[in-house]
Amino acid sequence: MSYGLGAYKKASIHTASKEQILIMLYQAAIKNCKKAIEAIGKKDIAKKGEYIGKLQDIVVELNNSLDLEVGGEVANELSALYDFILFSSTQANIKIDAEPLKGCLEVLTTLYSGWAEAIKSLRKEAETGTTDAK
């Protein structure tokens, strides 16, 4: 990675909103999950472990950021999904099997889409000063 790109990435993280950081974490988790699946396909055991480790670090960070008191049932459900991802990715790592990672990828992609849509909706409300009661 060139110095310029590294500095840009570091600056973008330091100036990002909480919502942008959440989206970046999901994007990185999805990327590492896909790379782990590819590594298993190529029988690259070292890379598989590296990518699963990165995926798990991100999921642990997401889980630690939950406020179970404020978030209530939604936070508890997210925590359960993060536990599922951690368990499944560990199984994939131990068994050198991409199948559990495909389940992780599906959950991560669904959560990412949901958060991206919610953030877009909140921004639109903030811009127009209205709320959609659905």
C-alpha atoms as a PDB file:
ATOM      1  CA  MET A   1       0.000   0.000   0.000  1.00  0.00           C
ATOM      2  CA  SER A   2       1.410   3.371  -0.925  1.00  0.00           C
ATOM      3  CA  TYR A   3       1.858   6.014   1.758  1.00  0.00           C
ATOM      4  CA  GLY A   4      -0.756   8.257   0.139  1.00  0.00           C
ATOM      5  CA  LEU A   5      -3.441   5.577   0.150  1.00  0.00           C
ATOM      6  CA  GLY A   6      -2.652   4.600   3.741  1.00  0.00           C
ATOM      7  CA  ALA A   7      -2.834   8.223   4.877  1.00  0.00           C
ATOM      8  CA  TYR A   8      -6.109   8.687   2.990  1.00  0.00           C
ATOM      9  CA  LYS A   9      -7.653   5.585   4.600  1.00  0.00           C
ATOM     10  CA  LYS A  10      -6.501   6.678   8.060  1.00  0.00           C
ATOM     11  CA  ALA A  11      -7.903  10.197   7.528  1.00  0.00           C
ATOM     12  CA  SER A  12     -11.214   8.863   6.212  1.00  0.00           C
ATOM     13  CA  ILE A  13     -11.631   6.699   9.326  1.00  0.00           C
ATOM     14  CA  HIS A  14     -10.781   9.570  11.681  1.00  0.00           C
ATOM     15  CA  THR A  15     -13.301  11.888  10.006  1.00  0.00           C
ATOM     16  CA  ALA A  16     -16.064   9.307   9.506  1.00  0.00           C
ATOM     17  CA  SER A  17     -19.371   9.406  11.341  1.00  0.00           C
ATOM     18  CA  LYS A  18     -20.457   6.459  13.501  1.00  0.00           C
ATOM     19  CA  GLU A  19     -22.743   5.359  10.691  1.00  0.00           C
ATOM     20  CA  GLN A  20     -19.918   5.463   8.122  1.00  0.00           C
ATOM     21  CA  ILE A  21     -17.662   3.467  10.445  1.00  0.00           C
ATOM     22  CA  LEU A  22     -20.394   0.853  10.888  1.00  0.00           C
ATOM     23  CA  ILE A  23     -20.735   0.538   7.103  1.00  0.00           C
ATOM     24  CA  MET A  24     -16.930   0.310   6.710  1.00  0.00           C
ATOM     25  CA  LEU A  25     -16.788  -2.462   9.326  1.00  0.00           C
ATOM     26  CA  TYR A  26     -19.460  -4.464   7.523  1.00  0.00           C
ATOM     27  CA  GLN A  27     -17.712  -3.947   4.173  1.00  0.00           C
ATOM     28  CA  ALA A  28     -14.424  -5.163   5.651  1.00  0.00           C
ATOM     29  CA  ALA A  29     -16.102  -8.166   7.299  1.00  0.00           C
ATOM     30  CA  ILE A  30     -17.763  -9.136   4.001  1.00  0.00           C
ATOM     31  CA  LYS A  31     -14.476  -8.703   2.114  1.00  0.00           C
ATOM     32  CA  ASN A  32     -12.551 -10.883   4.582  1.00  0.00           C
ATOM     33  CA  CYS A  33     -15.281 -13.527   4.575  1.00  0.00           C
ATOM     34  CA  LYS A  34     -15.158 -13.723   0.762  1.00  0.00           C
ATOM     35  CA  LYS A  35     -11.348 -13.886   0.804  1.00  0.00           C
ATOM     36  CA  ALA A  36     -11.453 -16.708   3.385  1.00  0.00           C
ATOM     37  CA  ILE A  37     -13.858 -18.657   1.144  1.00  0.00           C
ATOM     38  CA  GLU A  38     -11.477 -18.133  -1.798  1.00  0.00           C
ATOM     39  CA  ALA A  39      -8.469 -19.191   0.296  1.00  0.00           C
ATOM     40  CA  ILE A  40     -10.214 -22.427   1.276  1.00  0.00           C
ATOM     41  CA  GLY A  41     -10.975 -23.055  -2.398  1.00  0.00           C
ATOM     42  CA  LYS A  42      -7.273 -22.583  -3.210  1.00  0.00           C
ATOM     43  CA  LYS A  43      -6.259 -24.715  -0.202  1.00  0.00           C
ATOM     44  CA  ASP A  44      -4.250 -21.745   1.130  1.00  0.00           C
ATOM     45  CA  ILE A  45      -4.498 -22.605   4.821  1.00  0.00           C
ATOM     46  CA  ALA A  46      -2.382 -19.672   6.066  1.00  0.00           C
ATOM     47  CA  LYS A  47      -4.476 -17.080   4.205  1.00  0.00           C
ATOM     48  CA  LYS A  48      -7.700 -18.793   5.313  1.00  0.00           C
ATOM     49  CA  GLY A  49      -6.656 -18.365   8.931  1.00  0.00           C
ATOM     50  CA  GLU A  50      -5.568 -14.770   8.369  1.00  0.00           C
ATOM     51  CA  TYR A  51      -8.859 -13.733   6.734  1.00  0.00           C
ATOM     52  CA  ILE A  52     -11.023 -15.576   9.258  1.00  0.00           C
ATOM     53  CA  GLY A  53      -9.036 -13.909  12.053  1.00  0.00           C
ATOM     54  CA  LYS A  54      -9.697 -10.476  10.549  1.00  0.00           C
ATOM     55  CA  LEU A  55     -13.379 -11.320  10.066  1.00  0.00           C
ATOM     56  CA  GLN A  56     -13.664 -12.414  13.694  1.00  0.00           C
ATOM     57  CA  ASP A  57     -11.855  -9.310  14.979  1.00  0.00           C
ATOM     58  CA  ILE A  58     -14.383  -7.117  13.160  1.00  0.00           C
ATOM     59  CA  VAL A  59     -17.375  -9.121  14.401  1.00  0.00           C
ATOM     60  CA  VAL A  60     -16.067  -8.962  17.984  1.00  0.00           C
ATOM     61  CA  GLU A  61     -15.749  -5.178  17.592  1.00  0.00           C
ATOM     62  CA  LEU A  62     -19.313  -4.940  16.238  1.00  0.00           C
ATOM     63  CA  ASN A  63     -20.576  -7.070  19.126  1.00  0.00           C
ATOM     64  CA  ASN A  64     -18.670  -5.017  21.718  1.00  0.00           C
ATOM     65  CA  SER A  65     -20.180  -1.809  20.338  1.00  0.00           C
ATOM     66  CA  LEU A  66     -23.733  -2.964  21.059  1.00  0.00           C
ATOM     67  CA  ASP A  67     -25.540  -1.257  23.924  1.00  0.00           C
ATOM     68  CA  LEU A  68     -27.851  -4.008  25.148  1.00  0.00           C
ATOM     69  CA  GLU A  69     -29.675  -1.670  27.565  1.00  0.00           C
ATOM     70  CA  VAL A  70     -30.458   1.000  24.972  1.00  0.00           C
ATOM     71  CA  GLY A  71     -30.754  -1.359  21.983  1.00  0.00           C
ATOM     72  CA  GLY A  72     -33.091  -3.790  23.705  1.00  0.00           C
ATOM     73  CA  GLU A  73     -34.356  -6.695  21.615  1.00  0.00           C
ATOM     74  CA  VAL A  74     -32.655  -5.514  18.401  1.00  0.00           C
ATOM     75  CA  ALA A  75     -29.256  -5.393  20.128  1.00  0.00           C
ATOM     76  CA  ASN A  76     -29.851  -8.867  21.599  1.00  0.00           C
ATOM     77  CA  GLU A  77     -30.746 -10.247  18.168  1.00  0.00           C
ATOM     78  CA  LEU A  78     -27.655  -8.638  16.607  1.00  0.00           C
ATOM     79  CA  SER A  79     -25.509 -10.124  19.377  1.00  0.00           C
ATOM     80  CA  ALA A  80     -26.956 -13.575  18.634  1.00  0.00           C
ATOM     81  CA  LEU A  81     -26.174 -13.128  14.919  1.00  0.00           C
ATOM     82  CA  TYR A  82     -22.619 -12.046  15.725  1.00  0.00           C
ATOM     83  CA  ASP A  83     -22.252 -15.139  17.964  1.00  0.00           C
ATOM     84  CA  PHE A  84     -23.478 -17.273  15.052  1.00  0.00           C
ATOM     85  CA  ILE A  85     -20.860 -15.710  12.751  1.00  0.00           C
ATOM     86  CA  LEU A  86     -18.093 -16.276  15.304  1.00  0.00           C
ATOM     87  CA  PHE A  87     -19.130 -19.905  15.860  1.00  0.00           C
ATOM     88  CA  SER A  88     -19.565 -20.658  12.150  1.00  0.00           C
ATOM     89  CA  SER A  89     -16.304 -19.010  11.119  1.00  0.00           C
ATOM     90  CA  THR A  90     -14.472 -20.962  13.848  1.00  0.00           C
ATOM     91  CA  GLN A  91     -15.985 -24.191  12.487  1.00  0.00           C
ATOM     92  CA  ALA A  92     -14.907 -23.193   8.969  1.00  0.00           C
ATOM     93  CA  ASN A  93     -11.405 -22.524  10.238  1.00  0.00           C
ATOM     94  CA  ILE A  94     -11.086 -25.815  12.135  1.00  0.00           C
ATOM     95  CA  LYS A  95     -12.683 -28.005   9.447  1.00  0.00           C
ATOM     96  CA  ILE A  96     -11.206 -26.075   6.483  1.00  0.00           C
ATOM     97  CA  ASP A  97     -14.734 -25.903   5.093  1.00  0.00           C
ATOM     98  CA  ALA A  98     -16.141 -22.919   3.183  1.00  0.00           C
ATOM     99  CA  GLU A  99     -19.771 -23.882   3.780  1.00  0.00           C
ATOM    100  CA  PRO A 100     -20.121 -22.260   7.255  1.00  0.00           C
ATOM    101  CA  LEU A 101     -18.540 -19.088   5.845  1.00  0.00           C
ATOM    102  CA  LYS A 102     -21.217 -18.922   3.161  1.00  0.00           C
ATOM    103  CA  GLY A 103     -23.798 -18.702   5.962  1.00  0.00           C
ATOM    104  CA  CYS A 104     -21.733 -15.951   7.596  1.00  0.00           C
ATOM    105  CA  LEU A 105     -21.549 -14.087   4.310  1.00  0.00           C
ATOM    106  CA  GLU A 106     -25.317 -14.286   3.887  1.00  0.00           C
ATOM    107  CA  VAL A 107     -25.923 -12.868   7.385  1.00  0.00           C
ATOM    108  CA  LEU A 108     -23.314 -10.112   6.944  1.00  0.00           C
ATOM    109  CA  THR A 109     -24.687  -9.110   3.545  1.00  0.00           C
ATOM    110  CA  THR A 110     -28.241  -8.950   4.895  1.00  0.00           C
ATOM    111  CA  LEU A 111     -27.167  -6.858   7.899  1.00  0.00           C
ATOM    112  CA  TYR A 112     -25.060  -4.571   5.699  1.00  0.00           C
ATOM    113  CA  SER A 113     -28.003  -3.971   3.333  1.00  0.00           C
ATOM    114  CA  GLY A 114     -30.338  -3.279   6.242  1.00  0.00           C
ATOM    115  CA  TRP A 115     -27.967  -0.801   7.893  1.00  0.00           C
ATOM    116  CA  ALA A 116     -27.181   0.937   4.598  1.00  0.00           C
ATOM    117  CA  GLU A 117     -30.900   1.358   3.895  1.00  0.00           C
ATOM    118  CA  ALA A 118     -31.636   2.583   7.437  1.00  0.00           C
ATOM    119  CA  ILE A 119     -28.817   5.139   7.283  1.00  0.00           C
ATOM    120  CA  LYS A 120     -29.973   6.341   3.858  1.00  0.00           C
ATOM    121  CA  SER A 121     -33.498   6.702   5.203  1.00  0.00           C
ATOM    122  CA  LEU A 122     -32.310   8.640   8.277  1.00  0.00           C
ATOM    123  CA  ARG A 123     -30.245  10.983   6.114  1.00  0.00           C
ATOM    124  CA  LYS A 124     -33.231  11.640   3.866  1.00  0.00           C
ATOM    125  CA  GLU A 125     -35.370  12.407   6.929  1.00  0.00           C
ATOM    126  CA  ALA A 126     -32.695  14.758   8.274  1.00  0.00           C
ATOM    127  CA  GLU A 127     -32.503  16.599   4.934  1.00  0.00           C
ATOM    128  CA  THR A 128     -36.246  16.996   4.511  1.00  0.00           C
ATOM    129  CA  GLY A 129     -37.088  17.339   8.208  1.00  0.00           C
ATOM    130  CA  THR A 130     -39.834  14.728   7.881  1.00  0.00           C
ATOM    131  CA  THR A 131     -40.319  11.224   9.186  1.00  0.00           C
ATOM    132  CA  ASP A 132     -42.019   8.372   7.426  1.00  0.00           C
ATOM    133  CA  ALA A 133     -44.424   6.574   9.720  1.00  0.00           C
ATOM    134  CA  LYS A 134     -44.676   3.084   8.278  1.00  0.00           C
END
